[in-house]
Protein backbone atom coordinates (compact mmCIF):
# COMPACT_ATOMS: atom_id res chain seq x y z
CA MET A 1 125.43 79.58 95.06
CA PHE A 2 121.97 78.71 96.80
CA ALA A 3 118.41 77.60 94.63
CA LYS A 4 115.42 79.66 94.38
CA LEU A 5 112.52 77.91 95.64
CA PHE A 6 109.50 79.33 94.43
CA SER A 7 107.82 83.27 93.22
CA SER A 8 104.64 83.78 94.13
CA VAL A 9 102.40 86.82 93.22
CA SER A 10 99.86 87.73 95.41
CA PRO A 11 97.35 89.68 95.21
CA ALA A 12 96.09 91.64 98.04
CA LEU A 13 93.43 89.74 99.58
CA PRO A 14 90.08 91.25 100.43
CA PRO A 15 88.87 91.85 104.03
CA SER A 16 86.98 89.16 105.96
CA ARG A 17 84.36 91.76 106.52
CA PRO A 18 84.07 95.39 106.14
CA ARG A 19 86.04 97.69 107.90
CA HIS A 20 85.64 101.08 109.83
CA CYS A 21 87.76 103.53 112.60
CA GLY A 22 86.68 102.75 115.85
CA SER A 23 87.47 102.31 119.21
CA GLY A 24 89.75 99.19 120.35
CA ARG A 25 89.79 97.16 123.27
CA ARG A 26 90.74 99.64 125.62
CA ALA A 27 87.86 102.18 125.67
CA ALA A 28 89.50 104.41 128.59
CA PRO A 29 93.28 104.88 126.85
CA LEU A 30 91.48 105.68 123.68
CA ALA A 31 88.72 108.27 124.27
CA ILE A 32 91.06 109.96 125.68
CA SER A 33 93.59 109.81 123.03
CA LEU A 34 90.61 110.82 120.49
CA LEU A 35 89.88 113.87 123.03
CA LEU A 36 93.58 114.99 122.60
CA GLY A 37 93.25 114.16 118.63
CA ALA A 38 90.42 116.58 118.34
CA ALA A 39 92.02 119.50 120.59
CA SER A 40 95.23 119.67 118.39
CA MET A 41 92.58 119.42 115.09
CA ALA A 42 90.32 122.29 116.11
CA ALA A 43 93.51 124.57 116.90
CA SER A 44 95.06 123.49 113.51
CA GLY A 45 91.84 124.17 111.99
CA ALA A 46 90.74 121.05 111.00
CA ALA A 47 87.28 119.46 109.79
CA GLN A 48 87.56 115.45 109.68
CA ALA A 49 87.96 112.99 112.44
CA ALA A 50 91.25 110.72 112.13
CA CYS A 51 90.73 108.07 109.87
CA ALA A 52 87.44 109.36 108.37
CA GLY A 53 88.60 112.14 105.99
CA ALA A 54 89.05 111.74 102.27
CA GLY A 55 91.68 109.39 101.40
CA ALA A 56 91.52 107.50 104.22
CA PRO A 57 91.79 103.72 104.04
CA THR A 58 87.83 102.39 105.88
CA ASP A 59 87.80 98.33 104.45
CA THR A 60 91.12 96.96 105.39
CA ASP A 61 91.43 94.29 107.38
CA THR A 62 94.30 96.20 109.29
CA ARG A 63 92.14 98.93 110.64
CA CYS A 64 92.90 102.89 110.74
CA LEU A 65 92.54 103.00 115.09
CA THR A 66 93.23 106.48 115.30
CA ALA A 67 95.96 108.80 114.88
CA ILE A 68 98.58 111.17 116.98
CA VAL A 69 99.67 114.26 116.62
CA ILE A 70 103.16 115.57 117.48
CA PRO A 71 102.97 118.53 119.47
CA GLY A 72 105.95 121.57 117.62
CA LEU A 73 106.48 122.17 114.42
CA PRO A 74 104.37 119.72 111.31
CA LEU A 75 105.97 116.59 110.12
CA ARG A 76 107.58 117.02 107.26
CA SER A 77 110.67 114.33 107.75
CA PHE A 78 111.21 111.77 109.15
CA ASP A 79 112.97 108.48 109.26
CA ILE A 80 113.03 105.35 111.58
CA SER A 81 111.00 104.11 113.67
CA TRP A 82 111.14 101.87 116.98
CA VAL A 83 109.25 99.83 119.13
CA ASN A 84 110.05 98.68 122.59
CA PRO A 85 107.02 95.98 123.91
CA GLU A 86 108.49 95.90 127.17
CA ARG A 87 108.15 99.36 127.89
CA GLY A 88 105.00 100.02 126.00
CA GLU A 89 106.96 102.43 123.94
CA TYR A 90 107.21 104.19 120.63
CA TYR A 91 109.86 106.16 119.25
CA LEU A 92 110.14 107.92 115.82
CA ALA A 93 113.42 109.75 114.49
CA ASP A 94 111.45 113.20 113.93
CA ARG A 95 113.63 115.67 112.11
CA SER A 96 111.68 118.61 111.73
CA ASN A 97 111.76 118.69 115.61
CA ALA A 98 115.04 117.56 115.82
CA GLY A 99 114.40 114.68 118.27
CA ILE A 100 113.15 111.60 119.29
CA ASP A 101 108.84 111.74 120.02
CA VAL A 102 108.37 109.23 122.25
CA ILE A 103 104.63 107.66 122.78
CA ASP A 104 102.90 105.33 124.96
CA THR A 105 101.19 102.33 122.81
CA ARG A 106 99.07 101.35 125.21
CA THR A 107 97.39 104.96 126.57
CA LEU A 108 98.08 105.92 122.38
CA THR A 109 99.33 109.12 124.32
CA PHE A 110 102.44 111.50 123.71
CA LYS A 111 105.25 111.28 126.25
CA ARG A 112 107.65 114.42 125.25
CA THR A 113 110.14 115.03 122.54
CA ILE A 114 114.17 113.98 123.40
CA GLY A 115 115.55 116.81 121.38
CA GLY A 116 119.65 117.96 120.30
CA PHE A 117 119.37 116.69 117.19
CA VAL A 118 120.53 118.76 114.39
CA GLY A 119 117.32 118.67 112.51
CA VAL A 120 116.21 119.27 109.17
CA LYS A 121 119.36 120.69 106.49
CA LEU A 122 117.69 121.55 103.01
CA ASN A 123 119.93 120.95 99.71
CA GLY A 124 120.12 124.25 97.55
CA THR A 125 116.88 123.17 95.95
CA GLY A 126 114.71 123.57 99.15
CA ALA A 127 114.11 120.04 99.66
CA VAL A 128 115.22 118.09 102.53
CA ASN A 129 119.01 116.74 102.47
CA ASN A 130 118.90 113.42 104.03
CA ASN A 131 122.25 112.54 103.80
CA ILE A 132 122.47 115.19 107.04
CA SER A 133 119.36 115.44 109.13
CA GLY A 134 119.25 113.48 111.46
CA PRO A 135 117.76 112.26 114.07
CA ASP A 136 117.98 109.12 111.58
CA GLY A 137 118.11 105.82 112.82
CA VAL A 138 116.75 104.02 116.12
CA THR A 139 117.05 101.55 118.37
CA SER A 140 116.14 100.62 121.70
CA HIS A 141 117.04 97.83 124.22
CA GLY A 142 115.95 98.11 127.83
CA ARG A 143 116.70 101.92 129.14
CA TRP A 144 118.89 102.57 126.82
CA LEU A 145 117.92 104.09 123.57
CA TYR A 146 120.42 104.85 120.70
CA ALA A 147 119.89 106.94 117.75
CA GLY A 148 121.61 108.54 114.91
CA ASP A 149 122.22 112.29 114.13
CA GLY A 150 123.16 113.36 110.59
CA ASN A 151 127.05 114.86 111.77
CA SER A 152 128.06 111.28 112.16
CA THR A 153 127.14 111.27 115.58
CA LEU A 154 125.64 108.17 117.39
CA ARG A 155 123.45 109.07 120.43
CA VAL A 156 123.07 107.32 123.71
CA ILE A 157 119.96 107.64 126.09
CA ASP A 158 118.59 106.79 129.34
CA LEU A 159 114.88 106.64 128.90
CA ASP A 160 115.08 106.46 132.78
CA ALA A 161 115.82 110.21 132.83
CA PRO A 162 114.26 113.48 131.96
CA ALA A 163 114.44 115.23 128.66
CA ALA A 164 117.22 117.33 129.34
CA SER A 165 119.34 115.41 130.68
CA ALA A 166 118.79 111.96 129.23
CA THR A 167 121.22 112.02 126.56
CA LYS A 168 124.95 109.82 127.80
CA GLN A 169 127.11 109.76 125.24
CA VAL A 170 127.95 110.87 121.75
CA LEU A 171 130.39 109.08 120.25
CA SER A 172 131.63 110.53 116.56
CA THR A 173 131.80 107.48 113.81
CA GLY A 174 134.29 109.53 112.00
CA GLY A 175 132.20 110.65 108.45
CA THR A 176 130.78 113.72 107.33
CA THR A 177 127.14 112.67 107.22
CA ARG A 178 124.55 111.13 109.01
CA VAL A 179 124.47 107.32 111.28
CA ASP A 180 121.92 105.84 109.87
CA GLU A 181 120.23 102.63 110.51
CA MET A 182 120.73 99.98 113.62
CA ALA A 183 120.59 96.69 115.25
CA LEU A 184 121.29 95.05 118.48
CA THR A 185 122.25 91.60 119.55
CA ALA A 186 119.19 90.48 121.38
CA ASP A 187 121.27 91.05 124.96
CA GLY A 188 121.77 94.55 123.99
CA GLY A 189 125.67 93.98 124.10
CA MET A 190 126.53 94.62 121.01
CA LEU A 191 125.35 97.62 118.41
CA LEU A 192 125.55 97.68 114.63
CA ALA A 193 125.30 101.29 113.24
CA ALA A 194 125.45 102.20 108.99
CA ASN A 195 127.36 105.12 107.45
CA ASN A 196 125.53 104.95 104.49
CA ALA A 197 125.45 107.79 102.84
CA GLU A 198 129.96 107.75 102.67
CA ASP A 199 131.84 106.86 99.98
CA PRO A 200 132.93 103.89 100.53
CA PRO A 201 129.81 103.54 103.18
CA TYR A 202 130.35 101.62 106.15
CA GLY A 203 129.03 99.95 109.23
CA THR A 204 130.60 100.24 113.26
CA LEU A 205 129.86 97.89 115.77
CA PHE A 206 129.94 99.58 119.07
CA ASP A 207 129.99 97.22 122.81
CA ALA A 208 126.82 98.47 123.49
CA ASN A 209 125.24 99.04 127.23
CA GLY A 210 123.20 95.85 127.43
CA ASP A 211 121.36 95.93 130.87
CA ARG A 212 124.09 98.32 132.34
CA GLY A 213 122.82 100.43 134.77
CA SER A 214 125.49 103.61 133.17
CA SER A 215 126.34 104.20 130.05
CA ALA A 216 129.70 103.16 128.91
CA VAL A 217 129.56 102.25 124.71
CA THR A 218 132.57 102.04 123.01
CA GLN A 219 133.50 101.71 119.62
CA LEU A 220 134.90 97.90 118.26
CA SER A 221 135.29 98.13 114.68
CA HIS A 222 135.29 99.77 111.87
CA ILE A 223 133.39 97.87 108.81
CA THR A 224 134.28 98.41 105.06
CA ILE A 225 132.47 95.88 101.99
CA ASP A 226 135.51 94.81 99.32
CA ALA A 227 135.72 96.90 96.86
CA ALA A 228 135.56 94.72 94.09
CA ILE A 229 132.09 94.21 95.00
CA VAL A 230 130.91 97.64 96.93
CA PRO A 231 133.22 99.95 94.65
CA PRO A 232 134.03 103.18 95.48
CA GLY A 233 133.21 106.93 94.22
CA PHE A 234 129.98 105.70 92.40
CA GLY A 235 127.61 106.58 95.75
CA LEU A 236 126.24 103.27 96.30
CA SER A 237 125.72 102.68 100.11
CA ILE A 238 124.57 99.71 103.04
CA GLU A 239 121.62 100.56 104.34
CA GLN A 240 119.09 97.94 107.52
CA PRO A 241 120.94 95.66 109.55
CA ILE A 242 119.08 93.35 111.86
CA TRP A 243 120.41 90.55 114.43
CA GLU A 244 119.36 86.65 114.11
CA PRO A 245 120.14 84.94 116.73
CA LYS A 246 119.52 81.12 115.82
CA THR A 247 122.69 81.65 113.44
CA ALA A 248 124.09 84.41 115.52
CA ARG A 249 124.63 86.97 113.16
CA PHE A 250 123.81 90.34 111.88
CA TYR A 251 122.74 90.32 108.10
CA VAL A 252 123.28 93.95 105.82
CA SER A 253 120.58 95.34 103.02
CA ILE A 254 123.30 96.63 100.31
CA PRO A 255 121.24 97.72 97.62
CA VAL A 256 123.62 97.70 95.37
CA ILE A 257 126.70 95.46 94.62
CA ALA A 258 129.00 94.84 91.14
CA GLY A 259 129.12 91.59 89.62
CA ASN A 260 125.64 90.52 89.85
CA PRO A 261 124.96 89.69 87.81
CA ALA A 262 128.58 89.31 85.42
CA GLY A 263 128.69 92.72 83.11
CA CYS A 264 126.04 94.56 84.65
CA ASN A 265 126.19 98.28 85.73
CA TYR A 266 125.99 99.87 89.30
CA GLY A 267 126.76 103.24 88.20
CA GLN A 268 130.15 102.40 86.47
CA LEU A 269 127.98 103.26 82.79
CA PRO A 270 125.69 105.86 81.44
CA GLY A 271 121.81 104.75 81.96
CA ASN A 272 119.78 102.69 84.40
CA ILE A 273 121.50 100.50 87.26
CA THR A 274 120.76 96.62 85.91
CA CYS A 275 123.12 95.14 88.91
CA HIS A 276 120.71 93.84 91.92
CA GLY A 277 121.39 94.69 95.78
CA GLY A 278 123.38 92.28 98.11
CA MET A 279 123.27 91.00 101.89
CA ALA A 280 125.99 91.24 104.41
CA VAL A 281 126.52 88.43 107.01
CA ILE A 282 128.71 89.81 109.73
CA ASP A 283 129.70 87.67 112.99
CA PRO A 284 130.59 90.51 115.36
CA ASN A 285 132.53 88.12 117.20
CA VAL A 286 135.69 87.32 115.13
CA LEU A 287 135.77 90.87 113.59
CA PRO A 288 138.88 92.91 113.94
CA SER A 289 139.52 96.54 114.93
CA THR A 290 139.56 97.14 111.24
CA ALA A 291 136.94 94.79 109.20
CA VAL A 292 136.56 94.40 105.65
CA ILE A 293 133.92 91.39 104.49
CA GLY A 294 134.20 89.50 101.50
CA ALA A 295 132.34 87.59 99.42
CA PHE A 296 130.08 84.78 101.14
CA ASP A 297 131.43 81.14 102.78
CA ALA A 298 129.62 78.95 103.17
CA THR A 299 131.92 77.38 105.57
CA SER A 300 131.99 80.37 108.27
CA ASN A 301 128.24 81.96 107.22
CA THR A 302 129.61 85.19 106.76
CA GLY A 303 130.15 87.47 103.86
CA VAL A 304 128.22 89.09 101.15
CA VAL A 305 125.10 87.01 99.34
CA PRO A 306 124.18 88.44 95.75
CA LEU A 307 120.06 88.32 95.81
CA ALA A 308 117.95 87.73 93.13
CA ALA A 309 115.82 90.24 91.87
CA CYS A 310 116.34 92.70 94.78
CA GLY A 311 117.95 96.05 95.92
CA PRO A 312 116.77 95.63 99.21
CA ASN A 313 116.57 98.57 101.95
CA GLY A 314 114.56 97.54 104.90
CA ILE A 315 115.21 94.08 106.32
CA SER A 316 113.58 91.95 109.39
CA VAL A 317 113.65 88.89 110.70
CA GLY A 318 110.76 87.02 111.20
CA PRO A 319 110.07 82.94 112.17
CA HIS A 320 111.97 80.52 111.18
CA GLY A 321 114.84 82.16 110.45
CA ASP A 322 113.24 83.96 107.84
CA LEU A 323 114.51 86.96 106.70
CA VAL A 324 112.14 90.18 104.53
CA LEU A 325 114.02 91.91 102.43
CA GLY A 326 112.42 95.83 100.91
CA CYS A 327 113.57 95.63 97.68
CA THR A 328 113.04 99.11 95.58
CA PRO A 329 113.19 100.10 92.12
CA GLN A 330 115.05 103.06 93.41
CA ASN A 331 118.43 101.55 93.68
CA ASN A 332 117.50 98.90 90.77
CA PRO A 333 114.41 100.07 88.40
CA GLY A 334 113.47 96.58 87.37
CA ASP A 335 113.24 95.00 91.46
CA THR A 336 109.66 95.31 92.14
CA THR A 337 108.96 92.61 94.36
CA THR A 338 109.56 91.91 98.32
CA GLU A 339 111.98 88.88 98.68
CA VAL A 340 112.08 86.93 101.30
CA ILE A 341 115.15 84.35 102.10
CA ASN A 342 116.29 82.00 104.58
CA ALA A 343 119.08 82.97 107.18
CA LYS A 344 120.84 79.30 107.06
CA THR A 345 120.03 77.62 103.79
CA LYS A 346 119.65 81.05 101.97
CA HIS A 347 117.01 79.30 99.91
CA PHE A 348 114.44 82.13 99.33
CA LEU A 349 111.65 83.00 97.12
CA ASN A 350 109.87 86.84 95.90
CA VAL A 351 106.77 87.70 97.68
CA GLY A 352 104.59 89.68 94.51
CA GLY A 353 102.49 92.69 94.41
CA ILE A 354 104.41 94.63 97.25
CA THR A 355 107.70 97.01 96.37
CA GLY A 356 109.42 100.05 97.32
CA SER A 357 110.24 99.52 101.30
CA ASP A 358 112.46 101.43 103.21
CA GLU A 359 111.67 100.27 106.99
CA VAL A 360 110.34 96.67 107.30
CA TRP A 361 109.17 94.44 110.53
CA TYR A 362 108.14 91.39 112.27
CA ASN A 363 104.93 91.86 114.92
CA ALA A 364 105.06 88.72 116.59
CA GLY A 365 102.48 89.26 118.32
CA ASP A 366 99.95 88.68 114.97
CA ARG A 367 102.64 86.80 112.99
CA ARG A 368 102.84 89.36 110.06
CA PHE A 369 105.34 91.44 107.84
CA TYR A 370 104.60 94.83 107.52
CA THR A 371 106.05 97.16 105.01
CA GLY A 372 106.81 100.96 104.92
CA SER A 373 106.50 100.99 100.98
CA SER A 374 107.00 105.00 99.32
CA ARG A 375 107.83 103.29 96.32
CA ALA A 376 104.62 100.84 96.29
CA CYS A 377 103.60 101.91 92.52
CA GLY A 378 107.26 99.89 91.79
CA LEU A 379 109.13 103.49 89.82
CA ALA A 380 112.40 103.95 90.90
CA GLY A 381 111.92 107.79 90.59
CA GLY A 382 109.27 107.95 92.91
CA CYS A 383 105.53 107.24 92.60
CA PRO A 384 103.45 110.68 90.83
CA ALA A 385 100.08 110.20 92.27
CA GLY A 386 101.40 109.21 95.93
CA GLY A 387 101.80 106.05 95.60
CA ALA A 388 103.48 104.89 99.00
CA ALA A 389 101.37 102.16 100.92
CA LEU A 390 101.67 99.87 104.58
CA GLY A 391 102.35 96.28 102.85
CA VAL A 392 101.26 93.50 104.96
CA ILE A 393 101.86 89.89 104.44
CA ASN A 394 101.71 86.92 105.97
CA ALA A 395 104.66 85.64 107.77
CA GLU A 396 103.94 82.15 107.41
CA THR A 397 102.24 81.73 103.94
CA ASN A 398 104.94 84.85 102.82
CA LEU A 399 101.69 85.90 101.35
CA LEU A 400 100.63 89.12 100.71
CA ILE A 401 97.63 89.83 102.41
CA GLU A 402 97.24 93.72 101.49
CA THR A 403 98.66 97.14 100.94
CA ILE A 404 97.14 100.11 102.38
CA PRO A 405 97.36 104.41 101.15
CA GLN A 406 99.22 105.96 103.03
CA SER A 407 100.33 110.06 102.96
CA PHE A 408 103.65 110.28 99.83
CA ASN A 409 106.88 109.19 100.81
CA SER A 410 105.84 106.82 103.28
CA HIS A 411 108.43 104.79 104.56
CA SER A 412 109.11 103.71 108.48
CA VAL A 413 106.39 100.93 110.06
CA ALA A 414 106.46 99.23 114.05
CA ALA A 415 104.62 97.58 115.61
CA ASP A 416 103.69 96.40 119.36
CA SER A 417 103.64 92.91 120.17
CA GLU A 418 101.08 93.33 122.84
CA THR A 419 98.31 95.50 121.67
CA ASN A 420 99.30 94.92 117.60
CA ARG A 421 98.62 98.04 116.70
CA ILE A 422 101.14 99.63 114.08
CA PHE A 423 102.75 102.66 114.63
CA VAL A 424 102.71 104.57 111.00
CA PRO A 425 104.01 108.28 110.67
CA GLN A 426 102.09 110.49 108.12
CA VAL A 427 104.09 114.23 106.25
CA ALA A 428 101.70 116.91 106.42
CA PRO A 429 100.50 118.01 103.36
CA VAL A 430 103.26 120.21 101.04
CA ALA A 431 100.94 123.05 101.03
CA GLN A 432 101.64 123.71 104.66
CA VAL A 433 105.56 122.52 105.10
CA GLY A 434 106.51 123.06 101.51
CA SER A 435 109.45 120.67 99.30
CA GLY A 436 108.61 116.55 101.14
CA GLY A 437 104.88 117.32 101.69
CA ASP A 438 102.20 115.12 101.39
CA THR A 439 100.87 116.10 97.80
CA THR A 440 98.09 113.60 98.07
CA THR A 441 94.75 113.94 100.07
CA VAL A 442 95.19 110.49 102.06
CA GLY A 443 97.31 111.63 104.94
CA ALA A 444 95.59 113.80 106.02
CA GLY A 445 92.36 111.99 105.63
CA ILE A 446 94.20 109.72 108.05
CA CYS A 447 94.96 112.71 110.60
CA GLY A 448 92.51 114.08 110.73
CA GLY A 449 94.16 117.20 110.11
CA ILE A 450 97.21 118.93 107.84
CA ARG A 451 99.93 119.07 110.59
CA GLY A 452 100.79 115.63 109.87
CA CYS A 453 100.18 112.78 112.42
CA ILE A 454 101.62 108.87 113.71
CA ALA A 455 98.75 106.61 112.35
CA VAL A 456 97.70 103.76 114.48
CA TYR A 457 96.21 100.59 113.08
CA VAL A 458 95.17 97.64 114.32
CA HIS A 459 95.11 93.61 113.63
CA ASP A 460 92.46 91.64 115.81
CA ARG A 461 94.06 88.80 116.54
CA ASP A 462 91.42 86.01 116.14
CA GLY A 463 92.67 84.62 119.48
CA HIS A 464 95.76 83.56 117.94
CA ASP A 465 99.03 83.23 120.52
CA ARG A 466 101.65 85.73 120.14
CA ASP A 467 104.86 83.97 118.16
CA HIS A 468 106.70 82.02 120.85
CA ASP A 469 109.20 80.57 117.78
CA ASP A 470 109.16 77.44 119.40
CA ASP A 471 110.50 75.02 115.77
CA ASP A 472 113.28 77.37 115.20
CA ASP A 473 115.98 75.07 115.63
CA ARG A 474 115.13 73.30 112.66
CA GLY A 475 116.45 75.47 110.90
CA GLY A 476 114.31 76.65 108.25
CA ARG A 477 111.52 75.58 106.23
CA TRP A 478 113.13 75.47 102.69
């Protein structure tokens, strides 16, 4: 169906010079942020400064700049994050405080938490039950922010409104588990959200607000995957959608699909999963109110594309119509690379040295992909000594630049293309929050305290211009 052109296994490249935590180009706002951080650390009894404690990275090309502590409960559980560079805001789905945290990406200060979500829900063993906790997925366009909750609802938030009255609509998607990851078209006019924990899983296409001044979101289509591809009854899922503007399609990562390769185990047999994942290609303009996505059709560029050696969670679109898929051994123990696939040609390659990624983000400011890799050790069951990392990939060469240690289960990342600041949430130590907390010293070293934080990294562009994607009309390099 499509050809693999080459595979690259790239060790992390050494930094061009030793790095250390220090001030950025905006000295005054950063000084304010550090003072606020110091006050928070003093309140929590922490002794060290942000980015300087035991386990914090000190010699990486993508350097640790500072840390932002969230008021309220320490961070135990969070999910997807998002940056709106036009508004200069970062949004985190913060389950610990049952809301969306809003950070100013220019001054690096906490602005507010927009609440009303279900928060952390536990299972019988006292661990966080991600399937019914919330918030979960989050995305935005203009003044409108969309967030999924653990009770199968989509919450529509007006960022121009006060926090107490910001939620303008709460829409059910008809399930009992969370509305998870989601994506908007470039004009903000359509939204695709995934109910990943339902069985069978499904997506919901909404008519979204675009640039409207008032909220009038409505459901357009209920989308499932053909049962021959995602058989019901085995806990299979769909994950992150992304919009690719050149092909005008949604692309959705599917961790495991049946028959890839023939006779593989997707859960119908004892033992490890041996089926790889797929990528659904969806044209939202031709969907009926109830849609079933089948096998890939090259003529219409729709349907499920089988992937080679990849069971993906996250997905992001970069230059030239290239999509980066966050393959993870949690889905298939043998899938221990990261995959790049072209949206038009479906040609692909594998990036070695980084795996286990949940959220993946393309930053147009420095033409790099950033991966939130909670299983960077390559083990399906998790990393016993931590093993989470921020992966940094050159989007032009698709080579791994470096991996940067993060707190246990770190899996969320978003970048601001205007400032080249990269935001990576860190959980608080397990001694503070219990199950789900950081079992390493890395998070406290980065945060400068024991409450968890939003770690802020920065990459100096060395004079490179922002990505205007002028060459995308050629339809890809491969």
